[in-house]
Amino acid sequence: MATTITANGRNLTSLYGLALKGVPKWRSVPTRVFTKVQVRGRAGALFTTPVSMPTRQLQLVGVMARGPAALLVSSQDALKSLLTSNLIRVKVDDGGSFVRVAEGYANPLDVEALGRSMSPVGTNWTIGLDCPTPYWREDDWSSAALSTTPVPLLLGTAPSPTLIRIMNATNPVLTYRDASGIPRGTMTFTITQAAGDYLEIDMLLFGKIRKSVSGTVTDARSTLSTSSDFPWAFDAQDGDYATAQLPTLELSTGTGVAYWQRYFL
């Protein structure tokens, strides 16, 4: 398994000599929290909504051996400063068809001596990584050209926010359907585009809608119909990941493209 760890874009192995030994339990799913209601006179409990999932907690295990004591100490100080002041990114490649990425902040950070405690030959590092979401995401982006024909969306096992651009359209309608073809949401716009203009729906920014007209980008939420009920992430549960039953997206007029990263538990 090829695994890399970076902080602020710096590779911790090549620059600081931290050899990553592993990421235990990275395949595990964070423990879900169910809301339960006790019923008088009845054993057990009723499970009700909502069900919440906490952020992902990872543990990175590595070792540092940097030769002379002075070099080891300076490397440790530099690495601790970097880890406690920057976003950390972990990329895991388990030999599959894509690389999974998780990001977070170091908490806690444990460093233990190898050999004599006051003059060690190296140090063992255990880095707790507190991630803002429970999901891994694919390192690469997926894309699909949009038309009046429903386009399958290859998702992961968790909801994926998406960036959509529409061009050359007059009053376009986006329709998102589940794998059985049932509409799960629509987005209707009142806009007439000239050549070179585009309309952009950014789910990564919680539904930010922008338009570019003659090269000038402005907010475009006013072009969206109030009856629109489009979801702000495409959900793998609108299909069946195990059997490749996929939700779809279609555009009533013009041309468009959707970009997304697959998310996984």
Protein backbone atom coordinates (compact mmCIF):
# COMPACT_ATOMS: atom_id res chain seq x y z
CA MET A 1 0.00 0.00 0.00
CA ALA A 2 1.49 3.37 -1.04
CA THR A 3 0.60 6.12 1.45
CA THR A 4 1.83 9.71 1.53
CA ILE A 5 1.39 12.44 4.13
CA THR A 6 1.80 16.16 3.46
CA ALA A 7 1.31 19.35 5.48
CA ASN A 8 0.88 22.65 3.66
CA GLY A 9 1.96 20.86 0.48
CA ARG A 10 5.24 19.59 1.98
CA ASN A 11 6.02 15.88 1.86
CA LEU A 12 6.91 14.85 5.42
CA THR A 13 8.93 11.83 4.34
CA SER A 14 11.27 13.45 1.83
CA LEU A 15 11.73 16.74 3.73
CA TYR A 16 11.74 15.65 7.37
CA GLY A 17 12.58 11.96 7.27
CA LEU A 18 9.26 10.77 8.75
CA ALA A 19 8.80 7.23 7.44
CA LEU A 20 5.09 6.43 7.61
CA LYS A 21 4.58 2.88 8.91
CA GLY A 22 0.84 2.78 8.50
CA VAL A 23 -2.64 4.19 9.05
CA PRO A 24 -4.38 1.63 11.30
CA LYS A 25 -8.11 1.13 10.80
CA TRP A 26 -8.34 3.59 7.91
CA ARG A 27 -10.93 1.28 6.32
CA SER A 28 -13.25 1.54 9.36
CA VAL A 29 -16.47 3.58 9.33
CA PRO A 30 -17.02 6.22 12.08
CA THR A 31 -19.56 5.10 14.66
CA ARG A 32 -23.05 6.39 13.90
CA VAL A 33 -25.12 7.98 16.66
CA PHE A 34 -28.79 6.95 16.70
CA THR A 35 -31.56 8.90 18.40
CA LYS A 36 -33.46 6.46 20.64
CA VAL A 37 -36.76 6.84 22.43
CA GLN A 38 -37.64 4.70 25.42
CA VAL A 39 -41.27 3.54 25.53
CA ARG A 40 -42.86 2.83 28.91
CA GLY A 41 -43.84 -0.78 29.38
CA ARG A 42 -41.76 -1.95 26.42
CA ALA A 43 -38.33 -3.52 26.39
CA GLY A 44 -35.70 -1.88 24.21
CA ALA A 45 -36.17 1.42 22.36
CA LEU A 46 -37.45 2.98 19.14
CA PHE A 47 -34.89 4.33 16.69
CA THR A 48 -35.91 7.75 15.36
CA THR A 49 -34.38 10.39 13.13
CA PRO A 50 -31.98 12.04 12.86
CA VAL A 51 -29.00 9.71 12.68
CA SER A 52 -25.70 11.57 12.98
CA MET A 53 -22.16 10.54 12.08
CA PRO A 54 -19.17 12.15 13.79
CA THR A 55 -16.04 13.33 12.03
CA ARG A 56 -13.40 10.78 11.08
CA GLN A 57 -10.51 10.22 13.50
CA LEU A 58 -7.36 8.74 11.95
CA GLN A 59 -4.09 7.64 13.49
CA LEU A 60 -0.82 7.90 11.55
CA VAL A 61 2.14 5.90 12.80
CA GLY A 62 5.69 6.72 11.69
CA VAL A 63 9.34 6.77 12.69
CA MET A 64 12.06 9.39 12.29
CA ALA A 65 15.81 8.65 12.29
CA ARG A 66 17.95 11.63 11.24
CA GLY A 67 21.53 10.71 12.21
CA PRO A 68 23.31 13.09 14.66
CA ALA A 69 21.37 14.23 17.71
CA ALA A 70 21.37 17.88 16.67
CA LEU A 71 19.86 17.03 13.28
CA LEU A 72 17.25 14.79 14.88
CA VAL A 73 16.20 17.49 17.34
CA SER A 74 15.99 20.23 14.72
CA SER A 75 13.97 17.98 12.42
CA GLN A 76 11.60 17.12 15.26
CA ASP A 77 11.06 20.76 16.15
CA ALA A 78 10.43 21.73 12.53
CA LEU A 79 8.02 18.84 12.01
CA LYS A 80 6.06 19.52 15.20
CA SER A 81 5.71 23.17 14.22
CA LEU A 82 4.49 22.20 10.75
CA LEU A 83 2.03 19.57 11.99
CA THR A 84 0.43 21.83 14.60
CA SER A 85 -0.05 24.84 12.34
CA ASN A 86 -1.21 23.42 8.99
CA LEU A 87 -3.83 21.24 7.36
CA ILE A 88 -2.56 17.68 6.94
CA ARG A 89 -3.42 15.58 3.90
CA VAL A 90 -3.18 11.79 3.75
CA LYS A 91 -3.35 9.90 0.46
CA VAL A 92 -3.93 6.15 0.61
CA ASP A 93 -3.43 3.90 -2.41
CA ASP A 94 -4.40 0.30 -1.62
CA GLY A 95 -3.80 -0.96 -5.13
CA GLY A 96 -7.30 -0.17 -6.37
CA SER A 97 -8.25 2.00 -9.32
CA PHE A 98 -8.08 5.32 -7.47
CA VAL A 99 -6.38 7.10 -4.57
CA ARG A 100 -8.40 8.13 -1.50
CA VAL A 101 -7.68 11.39 0.32
CA ALA A 102 -8.48 12.60 3.84
CA GLU A 103 -7.57 15.95 5.40
CA GLY A 104 -7.54 17.20 8.95
CA TYR A 105 -5.54 18.63 11.84
CA ALA A 106 -3.01 16.94 14.13
CA ASN A 107 -4.58 16.16 17.50
CA PRO A 108 -3.01 14.62 19.54
CA LEU A 109 0.67 14.39 18.58
CA ASP A 110 2.80 11.84 20.50
CA VAL A 111 6.59 11.50 20.08
CA GLU A 112 8.56 8.75 21.86
CA ALA A 113 12.30 8.11 21.91
CA LEU A 114 13.92 5.11 20.23
CA GLY A 115 16.77 3.89 22.41
CA ARG A 116 18.02 6.03 25.31
CA SER A 117 15.48 8.66 26.20
CA MET A 118 17.92 11.59 26.40
CA SER A 119 20.01 10.72 23.33
CA PRO A 120 17.78 8.56 21.12
CA VAL A 121 18.74 7.15 17.73
CA GLY A 122 15.30 8.14 16.45
CA THR A 123 11.71 8.77 17.46
CA ASN A 124 8.38 7.02 17.07
CA TRP A 125 5.52 9.29 16.02
CA THR A 126 1.80 8.77 16.55
CA ILE A 127 -0.21 11.51 14.88
CA GLY A 128 -3.93 11.75 15.55
CA LEU A 129 -5.75 13.30 12.61
CA ASP A 130 -9.05 15.06 13.36
CA CYS A 131 -10.88 15.30 10.02
CA PRO A 132 -13.77 17.74 9.42
CA THR A 133 -15.92 15.07 7.71
CA PRO A 134 -16.40 11.30 8.10
CA TYR A 135 -15.61 10.71 4.41
CA TRP A 136 -12.66 9.82 2.24
CA ARG A 137 -12.74 11.41 -1.20
CA GLU A 138 -11.31 10.37 -4.53
CA ASP A 139 -8.15 12.30 -5.44
CA ASP A 140 -9.22 12.75 -9.08
CA TRP A 141 -12.30 14.52 -10.45
CA SER A 142 -15.06 12.88 -12.45
CA SER A 143 -17.01 14.75 -15.13
CA ALA A 144 -20.03 14.27 -17.39
CA ALA A 145 -21.28 16.24 -20.40
CA LEU A 146 -24.95 17.18 -19.93
CA SER A 147 -27.72 17.01 -22.52
CA THR A 148 -31.42 16.19 -22.80
CA THR A 149 -30.51 12.51 -22.37
CA PRO A 150 -30.12 11.46 -18.70
CA VAL A 151 -26.42 10.98 -17.89
CA PRO A 152 -25.45 8.37 -15.24
CA LEU A 153 -23.49 9.78 -12.29
CA LEU A 154 -20.82 7.40 -11.01
CA LEU A 155 -20.73 8.17 -7.29
CA GLY A 156 -19.05 6.60 -4.29
CA THR A 157 -20.81 5.40 -1.13
CA ALA A 158 -21.48 8.88 0.32
CA PRO A 159 -23.06 12.13 -0.97
CA SER A 160 -20.95 14.12 -3.46
CA PRO A 161 -21.23 17.91 -3.88
CA THR A 162 -20.94 18.92 -7.53
CA LEU A 163 -19.96 21.85 -9.73
CA ILE A 164 -22.22 22.36 -12.78
CA ARG A 165 -21.75 24.77 -15.69
CA ILE A 166 -24.42 25.57 -18.29
CA MET A 167 -23.72 27.32 -21.61
CA ASN A 168 -25.66 28.38 -24.73
CA ALA A 169 -29.03 27.95 -23.01
CA THR A 170 -32.34 29.77 -22.76
CA ASN A 171 -34.34 29.14 -19.56
CA PRO A 172 -32.59 25.80 -18.81
CA VAL A 173 -33.94 23.15 -16.45
CA LEU A 174 -31.72 20.69 -14.61
CA THR A 175 -33.37 17.43 -13.53
CA TYR A 176 -31.80 14.98 -11.09
CA ARG A 177 -33.33 11.46 -11.02
CA ASP A 178 -32.75 8.36 -8.95
CA ALA A 179 -31.72 5.08 -10.56
CA SER A 180 -35.34 4.13 -11.27
CA GLY A 181 -35.93 7.37 -13.20
CA ILE A 182 -38.00 9.16 -10.54
CA PRO A 183 -37.20 12.91 -10.34
CA ARG A 184 -35.54 13.81 -7.04
CA GLY A 185 -35.12 17.47 -7.77
CA THR A 186 -35.25 20.15 -10.45
CA MET A 187 -33.60 23.52 -10.91
CA THR A 188 -35.26 26.00 -13.30
CA PHE A 189 -33.57 29.22 -14.45
CA THR A 190 -34.86 32.28 -16.27
CA ILE A 191 -31.88 33.40 -18.33
CA THR A 192 -30.83 33.83 -21.96
CA GLN A 193 -27.14 33.22 -22.61
CA ALA A 194 -24.97 34.63 -25.39
CA ALA A 195 -21.91 32.90 -26.81
CA GLY A 196 -19.17 32.73 -24.18
CA ASP A 197 -21.54 33.19 -21.21
CA TYR A 198 -21.98 30.53 -18.55
CA LEU A 199 -24.13 29.77 -15.52
CA GLU A 200 -22.42 27.99 -12.62
CA ILE A 201 -23.97 26.05 -9.73
CA ASP A 202 -21.38 25.37 -7.04
CA MET A 203 -22.59 22.78 -4.52
CA LEU A 204 -19.12 22.82 -2.94
CA LEU A 205 -20.00 26.31 -1.67
CA PHE A 206 -23.44 25.27 -0.41
CA GLY A 207 -25.34 26.21 -3.53
CA LYS A 208 -23.54 29.33 -4.74
CA ILE A 209 -24.96 30.34 -8.15
CA ARG A 210 -22.94 32.61 -10.44
CA LYS A 211 -23.20 33.80 -14.02
CA SER A 212 -20.57 35.09 -16.39
CA VAL A 213 -21.82 37.64 -18.93
CA SER A 214 -19.24 39.14 -21.33
CA GLY A 215 -16.51 38.04 -18.93
CA THR A 216 -18.03 39.64 -15.81
CA VAL A 217 -18.98 37.21 -13.02
CA THR A 218 -21.90 38.14 -10.74
CA ASP A 219 -24.34 36.43 -8.38
CA ALA A 220 -27.17 34.69 -10.27
CA ARG A 221 -29.47 33.33 -7.57
CA SER A 222 -32.19 35.70 -8.77
CA THR A 223 -32.39 33.71 -12.02
CA LEU A 224 -33.42 30.57 -10.10
CA SER A 225 -37.12 29.75 -9.86
CA THR A 226 -38.50 29.70 -6.32
CA SER A 227 -40.15 26.34 -7.09
CA SER A 228 -36.78 24.64 -7.58
CA ASP A 229 -36.07 21.81 -5.15
CA PHE A 230 -32.66 20.62 -6.32
CA PRO A 231 -30.52 18.66 -3.83
CA TRP A 232 -27.20 20.23 -2.87
CA ALA A 233 -25.34 16.93 -3.16
CA PHE A 234 -25.82 13.84 -5.29
CA ASP A 235 -26.48 10.87 -3.04
CA ALA A 236 -25.27 7.32 -3.68
CA GLN A 237 -28.45 6.12 -1.93
CA ASP A 238 -30.43 7.39 -4.93
CA GLY A 239 -28.95 4.34 -6.65
CA ASP A 240 -27.21 1.15 -5.55
CA TYR A 241 -23.42 1.30 -5.44
CA ALA A 242 -23.04 -2.47 -5.07
CA THR A 243 -24.97 -3.21 -8.29
CA ALA A 244 -23.94 -0.08 -10.23
CA GLN A 245 -27.48 1.34 -10.29
CA LEU A 246 -26.80 5.06 -10.76
CA PRO A 247 -28.74 8.31 -10.39
CA THR A 248 -28.83 10.57 -13.48
CA LEU A 249 -28.69 14.24 -14.43
CA GLU A 250 -30.14 15.93 -17.51
CA LEU A 251 -30.31 19.42 -19.02
CA SER A 252 -33.33 20.62 -21.01
CA THR A 253 -31.50 22.99 -23.35
CA GLY A 254 -28.01 24.22 -24.20
CA THR A 255 -24.82 22.44 -23.23
CA GLY A 256 -23.39 21.72 -19.82
CA VAL A 257 -20.86 19.79 -17.78
CA ALA A 258 -20.85 18.47 -14.21
CA TYR A 259 -17.71 17.93 -12.10
CA TRP A 260 -17.54 16.00 -8.84
CA GLN A 261 -15.31 13.92 -6.61
CA ARG A 262 -16.51 10.58 -5.32
CA TYR A 263 -16.85 10.32 -1.54
CA PHE A 264 -16.56 7.09 0.49
CA LEU A 265 -17.12 5.93 4.05
